[in-house]
Amino acid sequence: MIIVYAKSIVPEENIDKYLEIAKKLAEETRKENGNIFYEMIQDTNNKNVLAFIEKWENMEVLDKHMKTSHFTTLVPQLNELREGESELTIHEILF
């Protein structure tokens, strides 16, 4: 199993729009085969820090996800609303 942590820093004036787009992405992604969960979280100490937490059956389904039309359409829109680059880490569950 694979866990993805994708963190972004979003200026306060962009948070509502960012969350609107992220919700669409989450709704479509949760329909995909191989997705176990796909959640948006917010740092309790810094409301500008938002992150997706994702769980996938394997890398193959994650790779397919990153080629879907909703991913390739909505992620660039999210990128326009954040500060700098996102922090993306992919982890394998060991036990």
Protein backbone atom coordinates (compact mmCIF):
# COMPACT_ATOMS: atom_id res chain seq x y z
CA MET A 1 0.00 0.00 0.00
CA ILE A 2 1.06 3.56 -0.75
CA ILE A 3 0.51 6.75 1.25
CA VAL A 4 0.90 10.16 -0.38
CA TYR A 5 1.37 13.41 1.54
CA ALA A 6 1.03 16.50 -0.68
CA LYS A 7 1.44 19.75 1.27
CA SER A 8 0.82 23.26 -0.03
CA ILE A 9 1.02 26.71 1.50
CA VAL A 10 -1.95 28.74 0.34
CA PRO A 11 -2.33 32.48 0.90
CA GLU A 12 -5.36 33.36 3.01
CA GLU A 13 -7.10 35.11 0.13
CA ASN A 14 -6.89 31.92 -1.99
CA ILE A 15 -7.96 29.31 0.59
CA ASP A 16 -11.68 29.25 -0.25
CA LYS A 17 -11.05 28.83 -3.98
CA TYR A 18 -8.31 26.25 -3.32
CA LEU A 19 -10.66 24.19 -1.13
CA GLU A 20 -13.44 24.43 -3.72
CA ILE A 21 -11.20 22.96 -6.41
CA ALA A 22 -9.64 20.43 -4.02
CA LYS A 23 -13.10 19.17 -3.07
CA LYS A 24 -13.90 18.50 -6.75
CA LEU A 25 -10.60 16.63 -7.09
CA ALA A 26 -11.31 14.57 -3.97
CA GLU A 27 -14.85 13.70 -5.06
CA GLU A 28 -13.67 12.39 -8.43
CA THR A 29 -10.59 10.66 -7.04
CA ARG A 30 -12.59 8.73 -4.44
CA LYS A 31 -14.44 7.05 -7.32
CA GLU A 32 -11.22 5.58 -8.73
CA ASN A 33 -10.43 1.90 -8.43
CA GLY A 34 -7.51 1.42 -6.07
CA ASN A 35 -8.09 4.55 -4.00
CA ILE A 36 -8.57 3.71 -0.34
CA PHE A 37 -8.88 7.25 0.97
CA TYR A 38 -8.26 10.80 -0.21
CA GLU A 39 -8.53 13.52 2.41
CA MET A 40 -7.71 17.22 2.72
CA ILE A 41 -6.23 18.32 6.05
CA GLN A 42 -5.34 21.72 7.49
CA ASP A 43 -2.60 22.52 9.98
CA THR A 44 -4.15 23.48 13.31
CA ASN A 45 -1.39 26.03 13.98
CA ASN A 46 -1.19 27.56 10.50
CA LYS A 47 -4.42 27.67 8.49
CA ASN A 48 -2.42 28.42 5.31
CA VAL A 49 -0.93 24.91 5.33
CA LEU A 50 -3.17 22.43 3.51
CA ALA A 51 -2.34 18.89 2.51
CA PHE A 52 -3.84 15.91 0.76
CA ILE A 53 -3.42 12.59 2.57
CA GLU A 54 -4.00 9.70 0.20
CA LYS A 55 -3.91 5.92 0.43
CA TRP A 56 -3.62 3.75 -2.66
CA GLU A 57 -3.51 0.00 -3.23
CA ASN A 58 -0.21 0.26 -5.14
CA MET A 59 1.96 2.54 -7.30
CA GLU A 60 0.26 1.37 -10.50
CA VAL A 61 -3.11 2.81 -9.47
CA LEU A 62 -1.45 5.98 -8.19
CA ASP A 63 0.28 6.42 -11.56
CA LYS A 64 -3.09 5.97 -13.32
CA HIS A 65 -4.63 8.57 -10.99
CA MET A 66 -2.04 11.15 -11.99
CA LYS A 67 -3.06 10.70 -15.65
CA THR A 68 -6.82 11.10 -15.15
CA SER A 69 -8.60 14.07 -16.68
CA HIS A 70 -9.68 15.42 -13.28
CA PHE A 71 -6.10 15.30 -12.00
CA THR A 72 -4.55 16.90 -15.10
CA THR A 73 -7.25 19.60 -15.16
CA LEU A 74 -7.65 20.46 -11.47
CA VAL A 75 -4.10 20.15 -10.13
CA PRO A 76 -2.75 22.95 -12.38
CA GLN A 77 -5.58 25.16 -11.06
CA LEU A 78 -4.52 24.36 -7.48
CA ASN A 79 -0.90 25.11 -8.36
CA GLU A 80 -1.86 28.63 -9.40
CA LEU A 81 -3.33 29.34 -5.96
CA ARG A 82 -0.49 28.19 -3.69
CA GLU A 83 2.79 29.83 -2.70
CA GLY A 84 5.88 28.22 -4.20
CA GLU A 85 6.13 24.50 -4.86
CA SER A 86 4.13 21.84 -3.09
CA GLU A 87 5.86 19.27 -0.91
CA LEU A 88 5.04 15.79 -2.21
CA THR A 89 6.22 12.63 -0.52
CA ILE A 90 5.26 9.06 -1.34
CA HIS A 91 5.52 6.35 1.32
CA GLU A 92 5.18 2.60 1.30
CA ILE A 93 3.35 1.03 4.22
CA LEU A 94 5.61 -1.55 5.84
CA PHE A 95 3.22 -2.90 8.48
